[in-house]
Amino acid sequence: MKKTLMFLAVAVICVGTSFSAQKSATFSGDIMDSACAKGGAHNPAMGDAKACTAACVKAGSKYVLYDGTTKTVYQLDDQKKPEAFAGAKVSVTGTLDDATKTIHVASIKAAS
């Protein structure tokens, strides 16, 4: 009986793990700050997109990926990698947590 229960427990864990495994994907958009991304645009009084993003992050906003086509804001779990791409169009590769719209960032590269 114990062996059967142990087998079932292991089977449930294995099946649950295979369904929850996430695949890496690439997401395109602009590296923006969370404050400006809510409105879908930078504040023109803050300068260009790079300056606006840097100023807003310095003031407490977080880096996000904004997809202007779908008007979707993705949170980025890594706040160091996007710094070099502030205000730029990029491709972010990583895994998406659908529930929180957070990308676990593997890499970021400038859009070509």
PDB file of N, CA and C in Angstrom:
ATOM      1  N   MET A   1       0.827  -1.199   0.000  1.00  0.00           N
ATOM      2  CA  MET A   1       0.000   0.000   0.000  1.00  0.00           C
ATOM      3  C   MET A   1       0.869   1.260   0.000  1.00  0.00           C
ATOM      4  N   LYS A   2       1.915   1.248   0.859  1.00  0.00           N
ATOM      5  CA  LYS A   2       2.799   2.414   0.925  1.00  0.00           C
ATOM      6  C   LYS A   2       3.496   2.645  -0.411  1.00  0.00           C
ATOM      7  N   LYS A   3       3.893   1.533  -1.068  1.00  0.00           N
ATOM      8  CA  LYS A   3       4.574   1.659  -2.358  1.00  0.00           C
ATOM      9  C   LYS A   3       3.640   2.270  -3.399  1.00  0.00           C
ATOM     10  N   THR A   4       2.382   1.892  -3.367  1.00  0.00           N
ATOM     11  CA  THR A   4       1.404   2.427  -4.307  1.00  0.00           C
ATOM     12  C   THR A   4       1.197   3.918  -4.074  1.00  0.00           C
ATOM     13  N   LEU A   5       1.072   4.328  -2.837  1.00  0.00           N
ATOM     14  CA  LEU A   5       0.897   5.740  -2.517  1.00  0.00           C
ATOM     15  C   LEU A   5       2.128   6.553  -2.907  1.00  0.00           C
ATOM     16  N   MET A   6       3.309   5.998  -2.649  1.00  0.00           N
ATOM     17  CA  MET A   6       4.544   6.683  -3.018  1.00  0.00           C
ATOM     18  C   MET A   6       4.623   6.840  -4.532  1.00  0.00           C
ATOM     19  N   PHE A   7       4.280   5.773  -5.265  1.00  0.00           N
ATOM     20  CA  PHE A   7       4.281   5.831  -6.726  1.00  0.00           C
ATOM     21  C   PHE A   7       3.330   6.912  -7.229  1.00  0.00           C
ATOM     22  N   LEU A   8       2.140   6.960  -6.677  1.00  0.00           N
ATOM     23  CA  LEU A   8       1.152   7.963  -7.090  1.00  0.00           C
ATOM     24  C   LEU A   8       1.644   9.375  -6.782  1.00  0.00           C
ATOM     25  N   ALA A   9       2.253   9.565  -5.632  1.00  0.00           N
ATOM     26  CA  ALA A   9       2.771  10.886  -5.269  1.00  0.00           C
ATOM     27  C   ALA A   9       3.852  11.327  -6.246  1.00  0.00           C
ATOM     28  N   VAL A  10       4.764  10.435  -6.577  1.00  0.00           N
ATOM     29  CA  VAL A  10       5.831  10.750  -7.535  1.00  0.00           C
ATOM     30  C   VAL A  10       5.235  11.030  -8.908  1.00  0.00           C
ATOM     31  N   ALA A  11       4.255  10.254  -9.325  1.00  0.00           N
ATOM     32  CA  ALA A  11       3.619  10.453 -10.625  1.00  0.00           C
ATOM     33  C   ALA A  11       2.938  11.814 -10.698  1.00  0.00           C
ATOM     34  N   VAL A  12       2.259  12.203  -9.643  1.00  0.00           N
ATOM     35  CA  VAL A  12       1.581  13.514  -9.615  1.00  0.00           C
ATOM     36  C   VAL A  12       2.605  14.631  -9.699  1.00  0.00           C
ATOM     37  N   ILE A  13       3.696  14.505  -8.968  1.00  0.00           N
ATOM     38  CA  ILE A  13       4.738  15.534  -9.005  1.00  0.00           C
ATOM     39  C   ILE A  13       5.337  15.628 -10.403  1.00  0.00           C
ATOM     40  N   CYS A  14       5.641  14.508 -11.016  1.00  0.00           N
ATOM     41  CA  CYS A  14       6.226  14.508 -12.357  1.00  0.00           C
ATOM     42  C   CYS A  14       5.279  15.091 -13.392  1.00  0.00           C
ATOM     43  N   VAL A  15       4.025  14.705 -13.346  1.00  0.00           N
ATOM     44  CA  VAL A  15       3.035  15.231 -14.295  1.00  0.00           C
ATOM     45  C   VAL A  15       2.846  16.725 -14.067  1.00  0.00           C
ATOM     46  N   GLY A  16       2.732  17.149 -12.828  1.00  0.00           N
ATOM     47  CA  GLY A  16       2.572  18.569 -12.509  1.00  0.00           C
ATOM     48  C   GLY A  16       3.750  19.389 -12.977  1.00  0.00           C
ATOM     49  N   THR A  17       4.960  18.839 -12.856  1.00  0.00           N
ATOM     50  CA  THR A  17       6.149  19.541 -13.297  1.00  0.00           C
ATOM     51  C   THR A  17       6.173  19.697 -14.803  1.00  0.00           C
ATOM     52  N   SER A  18       5.760  18.693 -15.529  1.00  0.00           N
ATOM     53  CA  SER A  18       5.801  18.794 -16.986  1.00  0.00           C
ATOM     54  C   SER A  18       4.798  19.815 -17.500  1.00  0.00           C
ATOM     55  N   PHE A  19       3.667  19.962 -16.848  1.00  0.00           N
ATOM     56  CA  PHE A  19       2.691  20.946 -17.288  1.00  0.00           C
ATOM     57  C   PHE A  19       3.100  22.363 -16.906  1.00  0.00           C
ATOM     58  N   SER A  20       3.833  22.511 -15.810  1.00  0.00           N
ATOM     59  CA  SER A  20       4.191  23.852 -15.373  1.00  0.00           C
ATOM     60  C   SER A  20       5.493  24.343 -15.994  1.00  0.00           C
ATOM     61  N   ALA A  21       6.235  23.483 -16.666  1.00  0.00           N
ATOM     62  CA  ALA A  21       7.484  23.902 -17.291  1.00  0.00           C
ATOM     63  C   ALA A  21       7.169  24.943 -18.359  1.00  0.00           C
ATOM     64  N   GLN A  22       7.910  26.027 -18.322  1.00  0.00           N
ATOM     65  CA  GLN A  22       7.655  27.103 -19.266  1.00  0.00           C
ATOM     66  C   GLN A  22       8.704  27.076 -20.364  1.00  0.00           C
ATOM     67  N   LYS A  23       8.287  27.446 -21.546  1.00  0.00           N
ATOM     68  CA  LYS A  23       9.206  27.505 -22.672  1.00  0.00           C
ATOM     69  C   LYS A  23       9.693  28.934 -22.839  1.00  0.00           C
ATOM     70  N   SER A  24      10.932  29.046 -23.245  1.00  0.00           N
ATOM     71  CA  SER A  24      11.514  30.349 -23.512  1.00  0.00           C
ATOM     72  C   SER A  24      10.858  30.932 -24.761  1.00  0.00           C
ATOM     73  N   ALA A  25      10.659  32.229 -24.751  1.00  0.00           N
ATOM     74  CA  ALA A  25      10.054  32.923 -25.891  1.00  0.00           C
ATOM     75  C   ALA A  25      10.728  34.273 -26.056  1.00  0.00           C
ATOM     76  N   THR A  26      10.498  34.906 -27.184  1.00  0.00           N
ATOM     77  CA  THR A  26      11.056  36.237 -27.438  1.00  0.00           C
ATOM     78  C   THR A  26       9.913  37.232 -27.547  1.00  0.00           C
ATOM     79  N   PHE A  27      10.067  38.338 -26.842  1.00  0.00           N
ATOM     80  CA  PHE A  27       9.058  39.390 -26.783  1.00  0.00           C
ATOM     81  C   PHE A  27       9.683  40.674 -27.322  1.00  0.00           C
ATOM     82  N   SER A  28       8.940  41.413 -28.133  1.00  0.00           N
ATOM     83  CA  SER A  28       9.453  42.649 -28.723  1.00  0.00           C
ATOM     84  C   SER A  28       8.704  43.851 -28.179  1.00  0.00           C
ATOM     85  N   GLY A  29       9.407  44.958 -28.104  1.00  0.00           N
ATOM     86  CA  GLY A  29       8.787  46.193 -27.644  1.00  0.00           C
ATOM     87  C   GLY A  29       9.834  47.205 -27.251  1.00  0.00           C
ATOM     88  N   ASP A  30       9.433  48.134 -26.399  1.00  0.00           N
ATOM     89  CA  ASP A  30      10.315  49.200 -25.940  1.00  0.00           C
ATOM     90  C   ASP A  30      10.600  49.031 -24.453  1.00  0.00           C
ATOM     91  N   ILE A  31      11.850  49.260 -24.068  1.00  0.00           N
ATOM     92  CA  ILE A  31      12.173  49.305 -22.647  1.00  0.00           C
ATOM     93  C   ILE A  31      11.726  50.676 -22.156  1.00  0.00           C
ATOM     94  N   MET A  32      10.745  50.664 -21.274  1.00  0.00           N
ATOM     95  CA  MET A  32      10.188  51.898 -20.710  1.00  0.00           C
ATOM     96  C   MET A  32      10.190  51.777 -19.197  1.00  0.00           C
ATOM     97  N   ASP A  33       9.767  52.832 -18.557  1.00  0.00           N
ATOM     98  CA  ASP A  33       9.559  52.792 -17.115  1.00  0.00           C
ATOM     99  C   ASP A  33       8.086  52.485 -16.871  1.00  0.00           C
ATOM    100  N   SER A  34       7.803  51.907 -15.720  1.00  0.00           N
ATOM    101  CA  SER A  34       6.436  51.468 -15.417  1.00  0.00           C
ATOM    102  C   SER A  34       5.438  52.624 -15.387  1.00  0.00           C
ATOM    103  N   ALA A  35       5.866  53.797 -14.968  1.00  0.00           N
ATOM    104  CA  ALA A  35       4.942  54.938 -14.901  1.00  0.00           C
ATOM    105  C   ALA A  35       4.485  55.374 -16.295  1.00  0.00           C
ATOM    106  N   CYS A  36       5.425  55.553 -17.203  1.00  0.00           N
ATOM    107  CA  CYS A  36       5.072  55.992 -18.560  1.00  0.00           C
ATOM    108  C   CYS A  36       4.376  54.890 -19.360  1.00  0.00           C
ATOM    109  N   ALA A  37       4.745  53.648 -19.090  1.00  0.00           N
ATOM    110  CA  ALA A  37       4.137  52.534 -19.828  1.00  0.00           C
ATOM    111  C   ALA A  37       2.642  52.434 -19.559  1.00  0.00           C
ATOM    112  N   LYS A  38       2.204  52.834 -18.379  1.00  0.00           N
ATOM    113  CA  LYS A  38       0.759  52.800 -18.076  1.00  0.00           C
ATOM    114  C   LYS A  38      -0.024  53.641 -19.068  1.00  0.00           C
ATOM    115  N   GLY A  39       0.552  54.762 -19.485  1.00  0.00           N
ATOM    116  CA  GLY A  39      -0.106  55.634 -20.452  1.00  0.00           C
ATOM    117  C   GLY A  39       0.293  55.338 -21.883  1.00  0.00           C
ATOM    118  N   GLY A  40       1.278  54.483 -22.074  1.00  0.00           N
ATOM    119  CA  GLY A  40       1.702  54.102 -23.411  1.00  0.00           C
ATOM    120  C   GLY A  40       2.612  55.083 -24.107  1.00  0.00           C
ATOM    121  N   ALA A  41       3.110  56.093 -23.381  1.00  0.00           N
ATOM    122  CA  ALA A  41       3.994  57.078 -24.010  1.00  0.00           C
ATOM    123  C   ALA A  41       4.848  57.774 -22.956  1.00  0.00           C
ATOM    124  N   HIS A  42       5.973  58.286 -23.410  1.00  0.00           N
ATOM    125  CA  HIS A  42       6.855  59.051 -22.535  1.00  0.00           C
ATOM    126  C   HIS A  42       6.345  60.477 -22.379  1.00  0.00           C
ATOM    127  N   ASN A  43       6.767  61.118 -21.322  1.00  0.00           N
ATOM    128  CA  ASN A  43       6.435  62.523 -21.084  1.00  0.00           C
ATOM    129  C   ASN A  43       7.397  63.375 -21.906  1.00  0.00           C
ATOM    130  N   PRO A  44       6.906  64.104 -22.912  1.00  0.00           N
ATOM    131  CA  PRO A  44       7.791  64.896 -23.773  1.00  0.00           C
ATOM    132  C   PRO A  44       8.596  65.951 -23.000  1.00  0.00           C
ATOM    133  N   ALA A  45       8.103  66.379 -21.868  1.00  0.00           N
ATOM    134  CA  ALA A  45       8.823  67.378 -21.070  1.00  0.00           C
ATOM    135  C   ALA A  45      10.083  66.792 -20.438  1.00  0.00           C
ATOM    136  N   MET A  46      10.190  65.468 -20.427  1.00  0.00           N
ATOM    137  CA  MET A  46      11.335  64.801 -19.807  1.00  0.00           C
ATOM    138  C   MET A  46      12.479  64.574 -20.797  1.00  0.00           C
ATOM    139  N   GLY A  47      12.336  65.014 -22.032  1.00  0.00           N
ATOM    140  CA  GLY A  47      13.370  64.787 -23.041  1.00  0.00           C
ATOM    141  C   GLY A  47      13.035  63.590 -23.901  1.00  0.00           C
ATOM    142  N   ASP A  48      14.070  62.985 -24.474  1.00  0.00           N
ATOM    143  CA  ASP A  48      13.835  61.823 -25.340  1.00  0.00           C
ATOM    144  C   ASP A  48      13.480  60.589 -24.505  1.00  0.00           C
ATOM    145  N   ALA A  49      13.176  59.503 -25.188  1.00  0.00           N
ATOM    146  CA  ALA A  49      12.721  58.279 -24.517  1.00  0.00           C
ATOM    147  C   ALA A  49      13.749  57.759 -23.513  1.00  0.00           C
ATOM    148  N   LYS A  50      15.024  57.823 -23.874  1.00  0.00           N
ATOM    149  CA  LYS A  50      16.079  57.330 -22.980  1.00  0.00           C
ATOM    150  C   LYS A  50      16.149  58.178 -21.712  1.00  0.00           C
ATOM    151  N   ALA A  51      16.134  59.489 -21.872  1.00  0.00           N
ATOM    152  CA  ALA A  51      16.219  60.393 -20.719  1.00  0.00           C
ATOM    153  C   ALA A  51      14.999  60.262 -19.818  1.00  0.00           C
ATOM    154  N   CYS A  52      13.838  60.142 -20.424  1.00  0.00           N
ATOM    155  CA  CYS A  52      12.596  60.014 -19.660  1.00  0.00           C
ATOM    156  C   CYS A  52      12.605  58.719 -18.850  1.00  0.00           C
ATOM    157  N   THR A  53      12.969  57.618 -19.515  1.00  0.00           N
ATOM    158  CA  THR A  53      12.998  56.328 -18.825  1.00  0.00           C
ATOM    159  C   THR A  53      13.984  56.357 -17.666  1.00  0.00           C
ATOM    160  N   ALA A  54      15.182  56.890 -17.912  1.00  0.00           N
ATOM    161  CA  ALA A  54      16.211  56.946 -16.860  1.00  0.00           C
ATOM    162  C   ALA A  54      15.748  57.802 -15.680  1.00  0.00           C
ATOM    163  N   ALA A  55      15.134  58.950 -15.969  1.00  0.00           N
ATOM    164  CA  ALA A  55      14.669  59.829 -14.895  1.00  0.00           C
ATOM    165  C   ALA A  55      13.553  59.179 -14.078  1.00  0.00           C
ATOM    166  N   CYS A  56      12.634  58.523 -14.755  1.00  0.00           N
ATOM    167  CA  CYS A  56      11.520  57.899 -14.046  1.00  0.00           C
ATOM    168  C   CYS A  56      11.982  56.710 -13.197  1.00  0.00           C
ATOM    169  N   VAL A  57      12.944  55.941 -13.714  1.00  0.00           N
ATOM    170  CA  VAL A  57      13.479  54.821 -12.935  1.00  0.00           C
ATOM    171  C   VAL A  57      14.233  55.364 -11.726  1.00  0.00           C
ATOM    172  N   LYS A  58      14.975  56.425 -11.921  1.00  0.00           N
ATOM    173  CA  LYS A  58      15.698  57.042 -10.802  1.00  0.00           C
ATOM    174  C   LYS A  58      14.715  57.524  -9.730  1.00  0.00           C
ATOM    175  N   ALA A  59      13.520  57.924 -10.162  1.00  0.00           N
ATOM    176  CA  ALA A  59      12.487  58.416  -9.240  1.00  0.00           C
ATOM    177  C   ALA A  59      11.677  57.286  -8.606  1.00  0.00           C
ATOM    178  N   GLY A  60      11.973  56.026  -8.991  1.00  0.00           N
ATOM    179  CA  GLY A  60      11.294  54.910  -8.341  1.00  0.00           C
ATOM    180  C   GLY A  60      10.516  53.964  -9.231  1.00  0.00           C
ATOM    181  N   SER A  61      10.355  54.295 -10.506  1.00  0.00           N
ATOM    182  CA  SER A  61       9.677  53.376 -11.424  1.00  0.00           C
ATOM    183  C   SER A  61      10.566  52.179 -11.700  1.00  0.00           C
ATOM    184  N   LYS A  62      10.003  51.153 -12.289  1.00  0.00           N
ATOM    185  CA  LYS A  62      10.742  49.943 -12.670  1.00  0.00           C
ATOM    186  C   LYS A  62      10.820  49.866 -14.185  1.00  0.00           C
ATOM    187  N   TYR A  63      11.886  49.220 -14.672  1.00  0.00           N
ATOM    188  CA  TYR A  63      11.979  48.953 -16.108  1.00  0.00           C
ATOM    189  C   TYR A  63      10.930  47.921 -16.483  1.00  0.00           C
ATOM    190  N   VAL A  64      10.264  48.137 -17.608  1.00  0.00           N
ATOM    191  CA  VAL A  64       9.283  47.205 -18.150  1.00  0.00           C
ATOM    192  C   VAL A  64       9.486  47.101 -19.651  1.00  0.00           C
ATOM    193  N   LEU A  65       8.868  46.098 -20.243  1.00  0.00           N
ATOM    194  CA  LEU A  65       8.824  45.992 -21.698  1.00  0.00           C
ATOM    195  C   LEU A  65       7.418  46.384 -22.117  1.00  0.00           C
ATOM    196  N   TYR A  66       7.320  47.363 -23.000  1.00  0.00           N
ATOM    197  CA  TYR A  66       6.012  47.815 -23.479  1.00  0.00           C
ATOM    198  C   TYR A  66       5.864  47.411 -24.940  1.00  0.00           C
ATOM    199  N   ASP A  67       4.853  46.608 -25.229  1.00  0.00           N
ATOM    200  CA  ASP A  67       4.537  46.195 -26.594  1.00  0.00           C
ATOM    201  C   ASP A  67       3.454  47.139 -27.110  1.00  0.00           C
ATOM    202  N   GLY A  68       3.855  48.097 -27.923  1.00  0.00           N
ATOM    203  CA  GLY A  68       2.925  49.098 -28.436  1.00  0.00           C
ATOM    204  C   GLY A  68       1.862  48.539 -29.353  1.00  0.00           C
ATOM    205  N   THR A  69       2.144  47.418 -30.000  1.00  0.00           N
ATOM    206  CA  THR A  69       1.182  46.793 -30.905  1.00  0.00           C
ATOM    207  C   THR A  69      -0.017  46.255 -30.140  1.00  0.00           C
ATOM    208  N   THR A  70       0.257  45.575 -29.032  1.00  0.00           N
ATOM    209  CA  THR A  70      -0.823  44.974 -28.242  1.00  0.00           C
ATOM    210  C   THR A  70      -1.176  45.794 -27.006  1.00  0.00           C
ATOM    211  N   LYS A  71      -0.430  46.881 -26.780  1.00  0.00           N
ATOM    212  CA  LYS A  71      -0.617  47.740 -25.595  1.00  0.00           C
ATOM    213  C   LYS A  71      -0.431  46.951 -24.299  1.00  0.00           C
ATOM    214  N   THR A  72       0.521  46.011 -24.332  1.00  0.00           N
ATOM    215  CA  THR A  72       0.786  45.152 -23.180  1.00  0.00           C
ATOM    216  C   THR A  72       2.047  45.599 -22.465  1.00  0.00           C
ATOM    217  N   VAL A  73       1.976  45.632 -21.142  1.00  0.00           N
ATOM    218  CA  VAL A  73       3.141  45.955 -20.306  1.00  0.00           C
ATOM    219  C   VAL A  73       3.594  44.669 -19.630  1.00  0.00           C
ATOM    220  N   TYR A  74       4.858  44.330 -19.842  1.00  0.00           N
ATOM    221  CA  TYR A  74       5.449  43.161 -19.200  1.00  0.00           C
ATOM    222  C   TYR A  74       6.421  43.632 -18.124  1.00  0.00           C
ATOM    223  N   GLN A  75       6.257  43.130 -16.916  1.00  0.00           N
ATOM    224  CA  GLN A  75       7.226  43.394 -15.852  1.00  0.00           C
ATOM    225  C   GLN A  75       8.486  42.610 -16.183  1.00  0.00           C
ATOM    226  N   LEU A  76       9.642  43.122 -15.777  1.00  0.00           N
ATOM    227  CA  LEU A  76      10.901  42.434 -16.007  1.00  0.00           C
ATOM    228  C   LEU A  76      11.514  42.085 -14.661  1.00  0.00           C
ATOM    229  N   ASP A  77      11.832  40.811 -14.463  1.00  0.00           N
ATOM    230  CA  ASP A  77      12.364  40.402 -13.160  1.00  0.00           C
ATOM    231  C   ASP A  77      13.789  40.884 -12.941  1.00  0.00           C
ATOM    232  N   ASP A  78      14.518  41.138 -14.009  1.00  0.00           N
ATOM    233  CA  ASP A  78      15.894  41.629 -13.924  1.00  0.00           C
ATOM    234  C   ASP A  78      15.878  43.126 -14.196  1.00  0.00           C
ATOM    235  N   GLN A  79      16.306  43.920 -13.253  1.00  0.00           N
ATOM    236  CA  GLN A  79      16.298  45.373 -13.425  1.00  0.00           C
ATOM    237  C   GLN A  79      17.674  45.920 -13.813  1.00  0.00           C
ATOM    238  N   LYS A  80      18.673  45.060 -13.978  1.00  0.00           N
ATOM    239  CA  LYS A  80      20.020  45.493 -14.393  1.00  0.00           C
ATOM    240  C   LYS A  80      20.185  45.437 -15.912  1.00  0.00           C
ATOM    241  N   LYS A  81      19.774  44.332 -16.530  1.00  0.00           N
ATOM    242  CA  LYS A  81      19.947  44.159 -17.977  1.00  0.00           C
ATOM    243  C   LYS A  81      19.240  45.243 -18.787  1.00  0.00           C
ATOM    244  N   PRO A  82      18.017  45.659 -18.427  1.00  0.00           N
ATOM    245  CA  PRO A  82      17.332  46.656 -19.258  1.00  0.00           C
ATOM    246  C   PRO A  82      17.933  48.060 -19.182  1.00  0.00           C
ATOM    247  N   GLU A  83      18.748  48.329 -18.174  1.00  0.00           N
ATOM    248  CA  GLU A  83      19.303  49.673 -17.986  1.00  0.00           C
ATOM    249  C   GLU A  83      20.036  50.170 -19.230  1.00  0.00           C
ATOM    250  N   ALA A  84      20.798  49.313 -19.871  1.00  0.00           N
ATOM    251  CA  ALA A  84      21.562  49.698 -21.062  1.00  0.00           C
ATOM    252  C   ALA A  84      20.666  49.967 -22.270  1.00  0.00           C
ATOM    253  N   PHE A  85      19.406  49.547 -22.200  1.00  0.00           N
ATOM    254  CA  PHE A  85      18.480  49.674 -23.329  1.00  0.00           C
ATOM    255  C   PHE A  85      17.336  50.658 -23.046  1.00  0.00           C
ATOM    256  N   ALA A  86      17.481  51.482 -22.035  1.00  0.00           N
ATOM    257  CA  ALA A  86      16.420  52.420 -21.652  1.00  0.00           C
ATOM    258  C   ALA A  86      15.944  53.230 -22.855  1.00  0.00           C
ATOM    259  N   GLY A  87      14.646  53.185 -23.113  1.00  0.00           N
ATOM    260  CA  GLY A  87      14.046  53.949 -24.200  1.00  0.00           C
ATOM    261  C   GLY A  87      14.199  53.338 -25.579  1.00  0.00           C
ATOM    262  N   ALA A  88      14.829  52.173 -25.683  1.00  0.00           N
ATOM    263  CA  ALA A  88      15.111  51.573 -26.990  1.00  0.00           C
ATOM    264  C   ALA A  88      14.146  50.443 -27.332  1.00  0.00           C
ATOM    265  N   LYS A  89      14.031  50.175 -28.635  1.00  0.00           N
ATOM    266  CA  LYS A  89      13.273  49.021 -29.117  1.00  0.00           C
ATOM    267  C   LYS A  89      14.176  47.797 -28.981  1.00  0.00           C
ATOM    268  N   VAL A  90      13.613  46.739 -28.411  1.00  0.00           N
ATOM    269  CA  VAL A  90      14.415  45.558 -28.105  1.00  0.00           C
ATOM    270  C   VAL A  90      13.650  44.265 -28.347  1.00  0.00           C
ATOM    271  N   SER A  91      14.397  43.175 -28.243  1.00  0.00           N
ATOM    272  CA  SER A  91      13.838  41.830 -28.174  1.00  0.00           C
ATOM    273  C   SER A  91      14.312  41.252 -26.851  1.00  0.00           C
ATOM    274  N   VAL A  92      13.361  40.799 -26.041  1.00  0.00           N
ATOM    275  CA  VAL A  92      13.681  40.197 -24.751  1.00  0.00           C
ATOM    276  C   VAL A  92      13.372  38.708 -24.849  1.00  0.00           C
ATOM    277  N   THR A  93      14.350  37.895 -24.512  1.00  0.00           N
ATOM    278  CA  THR A  93      14.162  36.451 -24.493  1.00  0.00           C
ATOM    279  C   THR A  93      14.077  36.000 -23.041  1.00  0.00           C
ATOM    280  N   GLY A  94      13.080  35.174 -22.763  1.00  0.00           N
ATOM    281  CA  GLY A  94      12.897  34.670 -21.414  1.00  0.00           C
ATOM    282  C   GLY A  94      11.609  33.887 -21.300  1.00  0.00           C
ATOM    283  N   THR A  95      11.226  33.602 -20.074  1.00  0.00           N
ATOM    284  CA  THR A  95       9.981  32.878 -19.829  1.00  0.00           C
ATOM    285  C   THR A  95       8.972  33.814 -19.190  1.00  0.00           C
ATOM    286  N   LEU A  96       7.731  33.676 -19.586  1.00  0.00           N
ATOM    287  CA  LEU A  96       6.661  34.552 -19.125  1.00  0.00           C
ATOM    288  C   LEU A  96       5.817  33.874 -18.058  1.00  0.00           C
ATOM    289  N   ASP A  97       5.603  34.581 -16.968  1.00  0.00           N
ATOM    290  CA  ASP A  97       4.628  34.168 -15.956  1.00  0.00           C
ATOM    291  C   ASP A  97       3.335  34.873 -16.345  1.00  0.00           C
ATOM    292  N   ASP A  98       2.410  34.125 -16.941  1.00  0.00           N
ATOM    293  CA  ASP A  98       1.155  34.713 -17.429  1.00  0.00           C
ATOM    294  C   ASP A  98       0.349  35.389 -16.328  1.00  0.00           C
ATOM    295  N   ALA A  99       0.369  34.824 -15.138  1.00  0.00           N
ATOM    296  CA  ALA A  99      -0.446  35.356 -14.048  1.00  0.00           C
ATOM    297  C   ALA A  99      -0.020  36.760 -13.654  1.00  0.00           C
ATOM    298  N   THR A 100       1.288  37.031 -13.685  1.00  0.00           N
ATOM    299  CA  THR A 100       1.776  38.345 -13.254  1.00  0.00           C
ATOM    300  C   THR A 100       2.289  39.192 -14.408  1.00  0.00           C
ATOM    301  N   LYS A 101       2.273  38.644 -15.617  1.00  0.00           N
ATOM    302  CA  LYS A 101       2.817  39.319 -16.809  1.00  0.00           C
ATOM    303  C   LYS A 101       4.275  39.732 -16.566  1.00  0.00           C
ATOM    304  N   THR A 102       5.023  38.826 -15.914  1.00  0.00           N
ATOM    305  CA  THR A 102       6.432  39.079 -15.633  1.00  0.00           C
ATOM    306  C   THR A 102       7.293  38.164 -16.480  1.00  0.00           C
ATOM    307  N   ILE A 103       8.286  38.754 -17.151  1.00  0.00           N
ATOM    308  CA  ILE A 103       9.237  37.980 -17.941  1.00  0.00           C
ATOM    309  C   ILE A 103      10.471  37.734 -17.087  1.00  0.00           C
ATOM    310  N   HIS A 104      10.854  36.451 -16.971  1.00  0.00           N
ATOM    311  CA  HIS A 104      12.124  36.099 -16.350  1.00  0.00           C
ATOM    312  C   HIS A 104      13.147  36.270 -17.470  1.00  0.00           C
ATOM    313  N   VAL A 105      13.929  37.333 -17.413  1.00  0.00           N
ATOM    314  CA  VAL A 105      14.796  37.746 -18.500  1.00  0.00           C
ATOM    315  C   VAL A 105      16.035  36.861 -18.614  1.00  0.00           C
ATOM    316  N   ALA A 106      16.213  36.280 -19.797  1.00  0.00           N
ATOM    317  CA  ALA A 106      17.431  35.535 -20.103  1.00  0.00           C
ATOM    318  C   ALA A 106      18.403  36.463 -20.838  1.00  0.00           C
ATOM    319  N   SER A 107      17.877  37.223 -21.807  1.00  0.00           N
ATOM    320  CA  SER A 107      18.732  38.152 -22.555  1.00  0.00           C
ATOM    321  C   SER A 107      17.897  39.263 -23.167  1.00  0.00           C
ATOM    322  N   ILE A 108      18.568  40.352 -23.458  1.00  0.00           N
ATOM    323  CA  ILE A 108      17.950  41.498 -24.141  1.00  0.00           C
ATOM    324  C   ILE A 108      18.918  41.923 -25.247  1.00  0.00           C
ATOM    325  N   LYS A 109      18.354  42.181 -26.423  1.00  0.00           N
ATOM    326  CA  LYS A 109      19.188  42.729 -27.497  1.00  0.00           C
ATOM    327  C   LYS A 109      18.407  43.796 -28.239  1.00  0.00           C
ATOM    328  N   ALA A 110      19.150  44.741 -28.788  1.00  0.00           N
ATOM    329  CA  ALA A 110      18.529  45.825 -29.542  1.00  0.00           C
ATOM    330  C   ALA A 110      17.815  45.256 -30.757  1.00  0.00           C
ATOM    331  N   ALA A 111      16.671  45.835 -31.074  1.00  0.00           N
ATOM    332  CA  ALA A 111      15.903  45.394 -32.247  1.00  0.00           C
ATOM    333  C   ALA A 111      16.683  45.755 -33.507  1.00  0.00           C
ATOM    334  N   SER A 112      16.580  44.869 -34.474  1.00  0.00           N
ATOM    335  CA  SER A 112      17.296  45.138 -35.741  1.00  0.00           C
ATOM    336  C   SER A 112      16.390  45.707 -36.778  1.00  0.00           C
TER     337      SER A 112
END
